[in-house]
């Protein structure tokens, strides 16, 4: 009996789930056609129908990582600085699930850097994240929670800060436990929201502190 389109789509979903399980367990360094085939209890020949080369598999895995990240639950927060804080907290590895996801993300960097096209794809992914953060920053500025400045530049700085904190926490979780990560983020945002006073006067309080 010939396979239907529904059968093909179901099989592709099974393959994607197997790819994700390999990523979660081994990262991109352990991703291979053989590893995915073993996870799926199938032959590597079957997988070549979906991924003719290792590069095709890696590209699919990077797309899958982005899809999984976009679909995960997000913190709810009021507009302004609380929304900026929530978006940055969503990046940090302060839960087991977030730590697992971040380990996969960090392991993806080497695979993406090794291929110019994949590197460009990853750059665009991080660029879209900065754009979303830029819009949140612009709203916080409009509400008076953040000082007037280039929102894109401020978003780039905030993204760079949290990604650096992600790496520190993954390599040394004992030195950067979840509570400490949150404290460092709040310190960063407090400094961002309170620029040095001009003319010696006291700094203008943010909307949250009034």
Protein backbone atom coordinates (compact mmCIF):
# COMPACT_ATOMS: atom_id res chain seq x y z
CA UNK A 1 0.00 0.00 0.00
CA UNK A 2 1.57 3.35 -1.01
CA UNK A 3 2.42 5.84 1.71
CA UNK A 4 0.18 8.91 1.92
CA UNK A 5 1.26 12.50 2.46
CA UNK A 6 0.04 12.15 6.03
CA UNK A 7 2.32 9.15 6.55
CA UNK A 8 5.26 11.13 5.20
CA UNK A 9 4.56 14.11 7.46
CA UNK A 10 4.15 11.86 10.49
CA UNK A 11 7.45 10.17 9.72
CA UNK A 12 9.14 13.53 9.30
CA UNK A 13 7.83 14.60 12.71
CA UNK A 14 9.25 11.39 14.18
CA UNK A 15 12.60 12.17 12.59
CA UNK A 16 12.55 15.72 13.96
CA UNK A 17 11.77 14.42 17.45
CA UNK A 18 14.70 12.01 17.19
CA UNK A 19 16.99 14.86 16.08
CA UNK A 20 15.89 16.92 19.07
CA UNK A 21 16.49 14.06 21.52
CA UNK A 22 20.03 13.65 20.18
CA UNK A 23 20.63 17.40 20.50
CA UNK A 24 19.29 17.48 24.06
CA UNK A 25 21.47 14.55 25.08
CA UNK A 26 24.68 15.25 23.14
CA UNK A 27 24.51 18.72 21.63
CA UNK A 28 25.59 19.49 18.09
CA UNK A 29 28.93 17.80 18.71
CA UNK A 30 27.15 14.46 18.99
CA UNK A 31 24.74 15.02 16.13
CA UNK A 32 25.17 12.58 13.25
CA UNK A 33 23.04 10.56 10.87
CA UNK A 34 24.06 7.42 12.72
CA UNK A 35 23.08 8.87 16.12
CA UNK A 36 19.68 10.00 14.85
CA UNK A 37 19.10 6.64 13.13
CA UNK A 38 19.87 4.80 16.37
CA UNK A 39 17.50 7.08 18.28
CA UNK A 40 14.82 6.41 15.68
CA UNK A 41 15.62 2.67 15.53
CA UNK A 42 16.03 3.02 11.78
CA UNK A 43 18.76 2.79 9.19
CA UNK A 44 20.94 5.67 8.05
CA UNK A 45 19.64 4.91 4.56
CA UNK A 46 16.15 5.93 5.61
CA UNK A 47 17.47 9.22 6.99
CA UNK A 48 19.17 10.12 3.73
CA UNK A 49 15.70 10.57 2.25
CA UNK A 50 15.33 13.53 4.62
CA UNK A 51 18.96 14.62 5.00
CA UNK A 52 21.18 13.64 2.04
CA UNK A 53 24.24 15.08 3.81
CA UNK A 54 25.43 15.87 7.32
CA UNK A 55 25.11 19.57 6.48
CA UNK A 56 21.41 19.10 5.66
CA UNK A 57 20.97 17.46 9.05
CA UNK A 58 22.75 20.31 10.85
CA UNK A 59 20.68 22.93 9.00
CA UNK A 60 17.48 21.15 9.97
CA UNK A 61 18.68 20.93 13.57
CA UNK A 62 19.38 24.69 13.66
CA UNK A 63 15.91 25.42 12.28
CA UNK A 64 14.40 23.01 14.79
CA UNK A 65 16.26 24.72 17.63
CA UNK A 66 14.83 28.08 16.61
CA UNK A 67 11.31 26.64 16.35
CA UNK A 68 11.54 25.03 19.78
CA UNK A 69 12.87 28.22 21.31
CA UNK A 70 10.10 30.34 19.76
CA UNK A 71 7.40 27.93 20.99
CA UNK A 72 8.47 27.76 24.62
CA UNK A 73 6.35 29.58 27.24
CA UNK A 74 7.31 33.18 27.98
CA UNK A 75 6.99 35.25 31.13
CA UNK A 76 4.14 37.72 31.21
CA UNK A 77 4.98 41.26 32.28
CA UNK A 78 3.66 44.79 32.07
CA UNK A 79 4.93 47.11 29.36
CA UNK A 80 8.12 49.01 29.92
CA UNK A 81 11.12 47.90 31.91
CA UNK A 82 9.26 44.85 33.35
CA UNK A 83 8.78 43.54 29.80
CA UNK A 84 12.47 44.07 28.99
CA UNK A 85 13.43 42.24 32.19
CA UNK A 86 11.07 39.34 31.44
CA UNK A 87 12.47 38.94 27.92
CA UNK A 88 16.02 38.79 29.26
CA UNK A 89 15.06 36.38 32.04
CA UNK A 90 13.60 34.09 29.38
CA UNK A 91 17.10 33.76 27.90
CA UNK A 92 18.94 32.91 31.11
CA UNK A 93 19.49 29.29 32.26
CA UNK A 94 17.66 29.74 35.56
CA UNK A 95 15.57 26.56 35.25
CA UNK A 96 16.60 23.04 34.29
CA UNK A 97 14.71 23.30 31.01
CA UNK A 98 16.28 26.67 30.20
CA UNK A 99 19.74 25.29 31.02
CA UNK A 100 19.17 22.33 28.70
CA UNK A 101 18.02 24.61 25.90
CA UNK A 102 20.96 26.94 26.36
CA UNK A 103 23.42 24.06 26.26
CA UNK A 104 22.02 23.12 22.86
CA UNK A 105 22.23 26.74 21.68
CA UNK A 106 25.86 27.13 22.77
CA UNK A 107 26.78 23.80 21.18
CA UNK A 108 25.26 25.08 17.93
CA UNK A 109 27.72 27.96 17.66
CA UNK A 110 30.62 25.80 16.52
CA UNK A 111 28.50 24.08 13.85
CA UNK A 112 27.22 27.43 12.56
CA UNK A 113 30.62 29.13 12.59
CA UNK A 114 32.09 26.34 10.46
CA UNK A 115 29.80 27.11 7.49
CA UNK A 116 29.36 30.63 6.03
CA UNK A 117 25.71 30.07 5.09
CA UNK A 118 24.78 28.57 8.43
CA UNK A 119 26.71 31.34 10.18
CA UNK A 120 24.63 33.90 8.29
CA UNK A 121 21.43 32.08 9.24
CA UNK A 122 22.44 32.15 12.90
CA UNK A 123 23.36 35.83 12.69
CA UNK A 124 19.88 36.57 11.36
CA UNK A 125 18.33 34.56 14.19
CA UNK A 126 20.14 36.64 16.78
CA UNK A 127 19.32 39.75 14.78
CA UNK A 128 15.59 39.00 15.00
CA UNK A 129 15.97 38.54 18.76
CA UNK A 130 17.63 41.97 19.00
CA UNK A 131 14.83 43.53 16.97
CA UNK A 132 12.21 42.17 19.37
CA UNK A 133 14.23 43.43 22.30
CA UNK A 134 14.71 46.80 20.59
CA UNK A 135 10.93 47.23 20.36
CA UNK A 136 10.56 46.46 24.07
CA UNK A 137 13.32 48.94 24.90
CA UNK A 138 11.67 51.63 22.77
CA UNK A 139 8.41 51.15 24.66
CA UNK A 140 10.24 51.37 27.99
CA UNK A 141 11.84 54.61 26.81
CA UNK A 142 8.48 56.01 25.77
CA UNK A 143 7.10 55.21 29.23
CA UNK A 144 10.08 56.82 30.96
CA UNK A 145 11.54 53.61 32.35
CA UNK A 146 14.74 53.89 30.32
CA UNK A 147 16.70 56.97 29.26
CA UNK A 148 16.53 58.34 25.75
CA UNK A 149 19.16 56.62 23.60
CA UNK A 150 19.41 54.50 20.49
CA UNK A 151 17.10 51.57 21.35
CA UNK A 152 18.88 49.26 18.89
CA UNK A 153 22.23 49.96 20.55
CA UNK A 154 20.72 49.44 24.00
CA UNK A 155 19.15 46.15 22.88
CA UNK A 156 22.48 44.98 21.44
CA UNK A 157 24.17 45.72 24.75
CA UNK A 158 21.50 43.89 26.74
CA UNK A 159 21.63 40.85 24.44
CA UNK A 160 25.41 40.75 24.72
CA UNK A 161 25.20 40.95 28.50
CA UNK A 162 22.78 38.06 28.89
CA UNK A 163 24.56 35.84 26.36
CA UNK A 164 27.79 36.36 28.26
CA UNK A 165 26.00 35.51 31.49
CA UNK A 166 24.57 32.37 29.84
CA UNK A 167 28.07 31.13 29.01
CA UNK A 168 29.35 31.85 32.52
CA UNK A 169 26.41 30.03 34.11
CA UNK A 170 26.74 27.00 31.86
CA UNK A 171 30.46 26.59 32.50
CA UNK A 172 30.31 27.30 36.23
CA UNK A 173 26.77 26.81 37.55
CA UNK A 174 28.00 26.72 41.15
CA UNK A 175 29.40 30.24 40.81
CA UNK A 176 26.37 31.49 38.87
CA UNK A 177 23.28 29.89 40.43
CA UNK A 178 19.85 31.09 39.25
CA UNK A 179 19.37 33.60 42.06
CA UNK A 180 22.74 35.20 41.36
CA UNK A 181 21.98 35.39 37.64
CA UNK A 182 18.78 37.28 38.41
CA UNK A 183 20.62 39.62 40.79
CA UNK A 184 23.24 40.38 38.15
CA UNK A 185 20.54 41.07 35.57
CA UNK A 186 18.73 43.41 37.96
CA UNK A 187 22.01 45.21 38.69
CA UNK A 188 22.55 45.66 34.96
CA UNK A 189 19.03 46.97 34.37
CA UNK A 190 19.24 49.29 37.36
CA UNK A 191 22.41 50.84 35.98
CA UNK A 192 20.79 51.10 32.56
CA UNK A 193 17.70 52.81 33.95
CA UNK A 194 19.60 55.31 36.10
CA UNK A 195 22.15 57.26 34.06
CA UNK A 196 24.60 59.51 35.93
CA UNK A 197 22.92 62.80 36.92
CA UNK A 198 23.65 65.88 34.85
CA UNK A 199 24.75 68.96 36.76
CA UNK A 200 25.08 67.22 40.08
CA UNK A 201 21.38 66.76 40.74
CA UNK A 202 19.84 63.47 41.90
CA UNK A 203 18.99 60.92 39.22
CA UNK A 204 15.44 60.88 37.98
CA UNK A 205 13.67 57.83 39.48
CA UNK A 206 12.26 55.27 37.09
CA UNK A 207 8.53 54.72 36.81
CA UNK A 208 8.85 51.52 38.88
CA UNK A 209 10.48 53.32 41.81
CA UNK A 210 7.91 56.11 42.09
